[in-house]
Structures are given as structure tokens and as C-alpha cells.
Protein backbone atom coordinates (compact mmCIF):
# COMPACT_ATOMS: atom_id res chain seq x y z
CA UNK A 1 -8.13 1.90 21.29
CA UNK A 2 -8.54 5.62 20.07
CA UNK A 3 -6.61 7.05 23.00
CA UNK A 4 -3.66 4.43 22.88
CA UNK A 5 -2.98 5.05 18.96
CA UNK A 6 -3.32 8.70 19.28
CA UNK A 7 -1.11 8.55 22.40
CA UNK A 8 1.41 6.70 19.82
CA UNK A 9 0.20 8.52 16.85
CA UNK A 10 3.85 9.94 15.76
CA UNK A 11 5.24 6.48 16.15
CA UNK A 12 3.11 5.03 13.73
CA UNK A 13 3.65 7.95 11.56
CA UNK A 14 7.23 7.76 11.33
CA UNK A 15 7.20 3.75 11.04
CA UNK A 16 5.09 3.65 8.69
CA UNK A 17 7.47 3.58 6.14
CA UNK A 18 9.49 0.90 7.36
CA UNK A 19 8.15 -1.97 5.32
CA UNK A 20 9.46 -0.18 2.38
CA UNK A 21 13.01 0.64 3.93
CA UNK A 22 13.12 -3.21 4.15
CA UNK A 23 12.56 -3.75 0.87
CA UNK A 24 16.19 -2.53 0.36
CA UNK A 25 17.39 -4.53 3.23
CA UNK A 26 15.62 -7.89 3.48
CA UNK A 27 15.42 -10.86 1.12
CA UNK A 28 11.75 -11.75 0.39
CA UNK A 29 10.21 -8.37 1.55
CA UNK A 30 9.55 -6.87 -2.22
CA UNK A 31 6.79 -9.32 -3.14
CA UNK A 32 4.80 -8.35 0.64
CA UNK A 33 3.95 -5.02 -1.31
CA UNK A 34 2.24 -6.37 -4.48
CA UNK A 35 0.63 -9.08 -6.65
CA UNK A 36 0.73 -9.64 -10.15
CA UNK A 37 -2.53 -10.73 -10.98
CA UNK A 38 -2.21 -10.37 -14.96
CA UNK A 39 0.48 -13.36 -15.10
CA UNK A 40 -1.77 -15.55 -13.98
CA UNK A 41 -4.11 -15.23 -16.91
CA UNK A 42 -7.47 -13.74 -17.49
CA UNK A 43 -9.71 -13.68 -14.62
CA UNK A 44 -6.86 -14.47 -12.14
CA UNK A 45 -8.14 -12.08 -9.68
CA UNK A 46 -11.62 -14.07 -9.30
CA UNK A 47 -9.98 -17.31 -9.84
CA UNK A 48 -6.55 -17.37 -7.41
CA UNK A 49 -7.05 -19.43 -4.13
CA UNK A 50 -7.69 -17.01 -1.06
CA UNK A 51 -6.31 -18.77 1.27
CA UNK A 52 -2.30 -19.41 1.37
CA UNK A 53 -2.09 -23.06 1.44
CA UNK A 54 -4.32 -23.57 -1.16
CA UNK A 55 -2.31 -21.37 -3.09
CA UNK A 56 0.81 -22.89 -2.69
CA UNK A 57 -0.66 -26.33 -3.16
CA UNK A 58 -1.71 -24.77 -6.90
CA UNK A 59 1.15 -22.75 -7.64
CA UNK A 60 4.21 -23.48 -5.42
CA UNK A 61 5.60 -21.02 -2.71
CA UNK A 62 8.20 -19.99 -5.37
CA UNK A 63 5.82 -19.24 -7.89
CA UNK A 64 3.63 -16.87 -5.47
CA UNK A 65 6.76 -15.01 -4.37
CA UNK A 66 7.89 -14.46 -7.55
CA UNK A 67 4.73 -12.81 -8.81
CA UNK A 68 3.78 -10.94 -5.36
CA UNK A 69 2.01 -12.04 -2.09
CA UNK A 70 0.34 -8.92 -0.70
CA UNK A 71 -3.10 -9.96 0.04
CA UNK A 72 -2.19 -13.35 2.05
CA UNK A 73 0.78 -11.26 3.78
CA UNK A 74 -2.08 -8.84 5.21
CA UNK A 75 -3.74 -11.94 6.66
CA UNK A 76 -0.59 -13.24 8.09
CA UNK A 77 0.12 -9.66 9.69
CA UNK A 78 -3.44 -9.59 11.05
CA UNK A 79 -2.66 -12.84 12.73
CA UNK A 80 0.41 -11.49 14.08
CA UNK A 81 -1.38 -8.37 15.19
CA UNK A 82 -4.20 -10.26 17.05
CA UNK A 83 -1.31 -12.36 18.90
CA UNK A 84 0.24 -9.26 20.05
CA UNK A 85 -3.12 -7.85 21.59
CA UNK A 86 -3.43 -11.12 23.32
CA UNK A 87 -0.07 -10.56 24.69
CA UNK A 88 -0.71 -7.18 25.48
CA UNK A 89 2.69 -5.86 24.12
CA UNK A 90 2.72 -2.58 23.21
CA UNK A 91 5.81 -2.52 21.07
CA UNK A 92 4.86 -5.54 18.84
CA UNK A 93 0.85 -4.16 18.74
CA UNK A 94 2.22 -0.77 17.46
CA UNK A 95 5.01 -2.27 15.24
CA UNK A 96 2.50 -4.38 13.62
CA UNK A 97 0.08 -1.91 13.45
CA UNK A 98 2.29 0.26 11.12
CA UNK A 99 3.60 -2.43 9.12
CA UNK A 100 -0.01 -3.98 8.58
CA UNK A 101 -1.31 -0.31 7.85
CA UNK A 102 1.30 -0.12 4.84
CA UNK A 103 0.49 -3.59 3.47
CA UNK A 104 -3.04 -2.91 3.35
CA UNK A 105 -2.23 0.89 1.73
CA UNK A 106 -0.06 -1.22 -1.14
CA UNK A 107 -3.24 -3.44 -1.65
CA UNK A 108 -5.58 -0.65 -2.50
CA UNK A 109 -3.14 0.79 -4.82
CA UNK A 110 -4.21 -0.18 -8.77
CA UNK A 111 -0.64 -0.26 -9.69
CA UNK A 112 0.50 -2.96 -7.08
CA UNK A 113 -2.07 -5.51 -8.81
CA UNK A 114 -0.41 -5.39 -12.20
CA UNK A 115 3.10 -6.47 -13.94
CA UNK A 116 2.90 -3.16 -15.75
CA UNK A 117 3.51 -1.70 -12.28
CA UNK A 118 4.96 1.45 -13.73
CA UNK A 119 3.86 1.86 -17.43
CA UNK A 120 7.20 0.07 -18.59
CA UNK A 121 5.30 -2.29 -20.46
CA UNK A 122 2.62 -0.11 -22.51
CA UNK A 123 5.17 3.16 -22.93
CA UNK A 124 3.80 5.01 -19.81
CA UNK A 125 6.76 4.59 -17.88
CA UNK A 126 6.71 6.80 -14.77
CA UNK A 127 2.83 6.43 -14.13
CA UNK A 128 3.47 4.91 -10.88
CA UNK A 129 4.43 7.52 -9.17
CA UNK A 130 2.32 9.98 -11.03
CA UNK A 131 -0.78 8.17 -9.38
CA UNK A 132 0.41 7.35 -6.22
CA UNK A 133 2.99 10.64 -5.23
CA UNK A 134 1.96 13.24 -7.89
CA UNK A 135 -1.25 13.44 -7.45
CA UNK A 136 -1.74 13.32 -3.62
CA UNK A 137 0.82 16.17 -3.45
CA UNK A 138 -0.77 18.17 -5.39
CA UNK A 139 -4.34 17.89 -4.48
CA UNK A 140 -4.75 15.56 -0.89
CA UNK A 141 -5.34 19.06 0.50
CA UNK A 142 -8.79 18.77 -0.29
CA UNK A 143 -9.26 14.98 0.02
CA UNK A 144 -11.86 14.01 2.66
CA UNK A 145 -10.19 11.80 5.07
CA UNK A 146 -13.05 11.33 7.79
CA UNK A 147 -14.12 7.95 6.88
CA UNK A 148 -16.24 7.05 10.34
CA UNK A 149 -15.62 4.47 12.70
CA UNK A 150 -14.02 0.84 12.41
CA UNK A 151 -16.18 -1.80 11.65
CA UNK A 152 -15.61 -5.67 12.50
CA UNK A 153 -14.74 -8.00 9.76
CA UNK A 154 -16.14 -11.63 9.81
CA UNK A 155 -13.37 -12.76 7.23
CA UNK A 156 -10.35 -10.37 7.05
CA UNK A 157 -8.68 -12.64 4.21
CA UNK A 158 -11.85 -12.34 1.98
CA UNK A 159 -11.97 -8.54 2.79
CA UNK A 160 -8.38 -8.04 1.94
CA UNK A 161 -9.16 -9.70 -1.46
CA UNK A 162 -11.98 -7.64 -2.34
CA UNK A 163 -9.52 -4.63 -2.16
CA UNK A 164 -7.31 -5.90 -4.34
CA UNK A 165 -10.04 -7.06 -6.89
CA UNK A 166 -11.64 -3.39 -6.66
CA UNK A 167 -7.98 -1.99 -6.93
CA UNK A 168 -7.27 -3.99 -10.04
CA UNK A 169 -10.27 -3.36 -11.85
CA UNK A 170 -9.02 0.43 -11.84
CA UNK A 171 -6.58 -0.51 -13.75
CA UNK A 172 -8.10 0.15 -17.27
CA UNK A 173 -8.76 3.87 -16.25
CA UNK A 174 -5.40 4.47 -14.71
CA UNK A 175 -3.77 3.45 -17.90
CA UNK A 176 -6.27 4.41 -20.72
CA UNK A 177 -6.95 7.92 -19.26
CA UNK A 178 -2.92 8.76 -19.64
CA UNK A 179 -2.77 7.37 -22.76
CA UNK A 180 -5.55 9.51 -24.09
CA UNK A 181 -4.47 12.39 -22.40
CA UNK A 182 -1.14 12.26 -23.46
CA UNK A 183 -2.33 12.09 -27.29
CA UNK A 184 -3.96 15.66 -26.60
CA UNK A 185 -0.57 17.33 -24.82
CA UNK A 186 2.62 18.04 -26.71
CA UNK A 187 5.55 16.79 -24.71
CA UNK A 188 6.59 20.07 -23.40
CA UNK A 189 3.08 20.25 -22.03
CA UNK A 190 2.95 16.90 -20.49
CA UNK A 191 6.12 17.65 -18.33
CA UNK A 192 7.66 20.59 -16.19
CA UNK A 193 10.62 21.01 -14.03
CA UNK A 194 10.41 22.07 -10.43
CA UNK A 195 13.00 22.49 -7.77
CA UNK A 196 13.04 19.54 -5.19
CA UNK A 197 15.64 20.45 -2.57
CA UNK A 198 18.56 21.97 -4.47
CA UNK A 199 17.84 19.91 -7.87
CA UNK A 200 15.81 20.74 -10.58
CA UNK A 201 13.22 17.51 -11.16
CA UNK A 202 11.44 16.40 -14.06
CA UNK A 203 7.74 15.76 -13.11
CA UNK A 204 4.39 15.52 -14.54
CA UNK A 205 3.43 19.37 -15.22
CA UNK A 206 0.46 20.71 -13.08
CA UNK A 207 -1.92 21.07 -16.10
CA UNK A 208 -1.38 17.29 -17.33
CA UNK A 209 -1.89 16.34 -13.67
CA UNK A 210 -5.12 18.45 -13.14
CA UNK A 211 -6.76 16.79 -16.43
CA UNK A 212 -5.80 13.47 -15.27
CA UNK A 213 -7.11 14.15 -11.82
CA UNK A 214 -10.42 15.58 -13.43
CA UNK A 215 -10.68 12.37 -15.75
CA UNK A 216 -10.10 9.93 -13.24
CA UNK A 217 -12.95 11.66 -11.12
CA UNK A 218 -11.52 11.41 -7.67
CA UNK A 219 -9.91 7.82 -8.11
CA UNK A 220 -6.99 8.35 -6.18
CA UNK A 221 -9.14 9.66 -2.88
CA UNK A 222 -11.49 7.04 -3.31
CA UNK A 223 -9.04 4.51 -2.98
CA UNK A 224 -6.86 6.35 -0.02
CA UNK A 225 -10.34 6.72 1.73
CA UNK A 226 -10.83 2.88 1.62
CA UNK A 227 -7.19 2.24 2.22
CA UNK A 228 -7.61 4.50 5.58
CA UNK A 229 -11.04 2.60 6.53
CA UNK A 230 -9.56 -0.96 5.99
CA UNK A 231 -6.96 -0.17 8.12
CA UNK A 232 -8.99 0.67 11.24
CA UNK A 233 -11.21 -2.07 10.45
CA UNK A 234 -8.67 -4.33 10.73
CA UNK A 235 -6.71 -2.85 13.71
CA UNK A 236 -9.96 -3.10 15.38
CA UNK A 237 -10.79 -6.67 14.37
CA UNK A 238 -7.62 -8.09 15.68
CA UNK A 239 -8.26 -6.21 18.77
CA UNK A 240 -11.90 -8.53 19.04
CA UNK A 241 -10.40 -11.12 17.83
CA UNK A 242 -7.74 -11.09 21.10
CA UNK A 243 -10.60 -10.68 23.51
CA UNK A 244 -11.01 -6.97 23.58
CA UNK A 245 -7.81 -6.66 26.00
CA UNK A 246 -7.88 -3.46 28.31
CA UNK A 247 -5.29 -1.04 26.55
CA UNK A 248 -5.64 1.55 29.63
CA UNK A 249 -2.69 -0.38 31.06
CA UNK A 250 -0.65 0.66 27.89
CA UNK A 251 -1.55 4.19 28.02
CA UNK A 252 1.95 5.01 29.63
CA UNK A 253 3.89 3.14 27.12
CA UNK A 254 5.39 5.38 24.53
CA UNK A 255 8.24 5.18 22.00
CA UNK A 256 10.08 7.95 21.71
CA UNK A 257 11.91 7.66 18.63
CA UNK A 258 11.64 5.58 15.44
CA UNK A 259 12.72 1.83 15.80
CA UNK A 260 13.97 -0.08 13.21
CA UNK A 261 15.01 -3.74 13.80
CA UNK A 262 18.23 -4.82 13.36
CA UNK A 263 17.52 -6.64 10.44
CA UNK A 264 16.92 -3.79 8.13
CA UNK A 265 20.36 -2.45 8.28
CA UNK A 266 21.89 -4.58 5.94
CA UNK A 267 25.34 -5.72 4.47
CA UNK A 268 24.44 -5.68 1.00
CA UNK A 269 21.09 -4.73 -0.83
CA UNK A 270 18.73 -7.01 -2.81
CA UNK A 271 17.12 -6.27 -6.52
CA UNK A 272 13.82 -5.07 -6.67
CA UNK A 273 11.60 -3.62 -9.28
CA UNK A 274 11.72 0.03 -8.72
CA UNK A 275 7.91 0.67 -8.99
CA UNK A 276 8.85 4.33 -7.77
CA UNK A 277 11.31 5.71 -10.14
CA UNK A 278 11.22 8.83 -11.55
CA UNK A 279 10.42 9.76 -15.17
CA UNK A 280 12.86 8.86 -18.26
């Protein structure tokens, strides 16, 4: 598996962002990236049905899709990847592996588990990009991304829900820490301007970012490491459940350029919540 994936690492790297591209192009794509647990009430993360058909029976499919379906969609993608391994179809294996990795990573982001996904309900607009992009941009060179060998998962559906639960439990520190630091920093200290391309862009200042990073005690790095380990575990589990097919015959297969499904080139775009929007 290592040799097969390493051979095609460029394809996976470039196409891991395809699910985000489809959010603007494919109707129904956006809810696959998040789940607004808080709209279901207190302790929803512990009470929501873990299996799709149980959840549909309790809430209806329309309701679930209105508030996000990422943990259930991860399970669906895992099934598809397993089938691709059974078919020994390298195109499907790589495409689905890249997509699955994206959704698993999203499920490990705390702000993908709340209706207040960008701080818009608490006066903290822009916190999503701050946590998910600004901090890794500044500090990921010092993160340790070596997480060990992949492990087999007995129940992938319950495993992804554990990840969602753990990410959701991080929310209190995500919001509270930012709020406390905002009270200590003056407005001109919290934000600064940096040149991005040819445009001066308002960003969280390096001083504020460093304070937030330290107060979170490595939270972003921990969540990234969990995502990396989980992606490997799910890929490995899909391969094992497919009967451990010999991938040596696929080693000559190489996708030379990024390939995006025709369905992702839309005639129109669909409205979606812009959790990556900048600072107001």
C-alpha cells in the first residue's frame, strides 16, 4: 500500500481539495463537510444515531442534510473505497482515497461541528480561518506529522463518531481562548496587514496568533495528527476489508495530471455557508 500511494502522492495531494471545489459546483456537496451538532440540543454528540438509516428514521433525511452529514458520509466513502479495492480499480482507489481523506480531516476540525462555525453567532467572525489556516500557516513547520503505522479499525462508523465527539469537545477552548485574548489585545494589536500576492490582506497579527497558539497548548497540531492517523487507518481498513488485494499490479498506474469529475464544472453555483471567509 505504501508503494502504491507514494507512487501517486502528487495526484492525492492535488486532488485532496476536490471536495471543496465541488461545494461550489455540486448540489448537496456542502453538508458532507460538517455537522451542526448543537442544533440538535444539549449532549447531541452523544445521543445522535451513529448509523444513517437510524438517523433518517429519527430526524428525516432533509433535516440531516440541512445541518450536515460528515460522519455518515465518511462511512459511505469508506464503503466505496472498499469496493474500489475489490475491483482493483486504481483510478477509483486514488480518487476515493483523496476524497475520503478530506472528509475525515473536516470531521476532526472543531469548527466543523457547530452552527457557530465561523464565530458569526458570538461576535468572533473569522475564527474558522484563524484556527484552520492562519495557525498552521505560521506554526506547522514545527508540527510532528509522524504518527506511526496504520491500524485496522473494527467499526469505522463508530470510529469517525469518536473523532467528531472529540473535536466538538474542543470548541469551548477554541471560542473561550479567543474571547479572553481579544479582551487583552487592542484592536490594532489583534490584527495586522500582510501582502498576499499583490493585495494587502487583513490577518490576525503574529502576536495575537502566537498567544492563541500557546493558550491552545498544541490543539491544532493534535487535531492534524489525529486526522493523519485516521486517514491511514481508514485506507488500510478498506484494503483489509476488501480482502487485501495485491496492489503490485497497479504500481505502473500513474495519473499524470489532476482530474476532476465533469460534474464539478457547473453551469451554476450553489449557495453555501462560507466558513473560510476572511475577517470583517
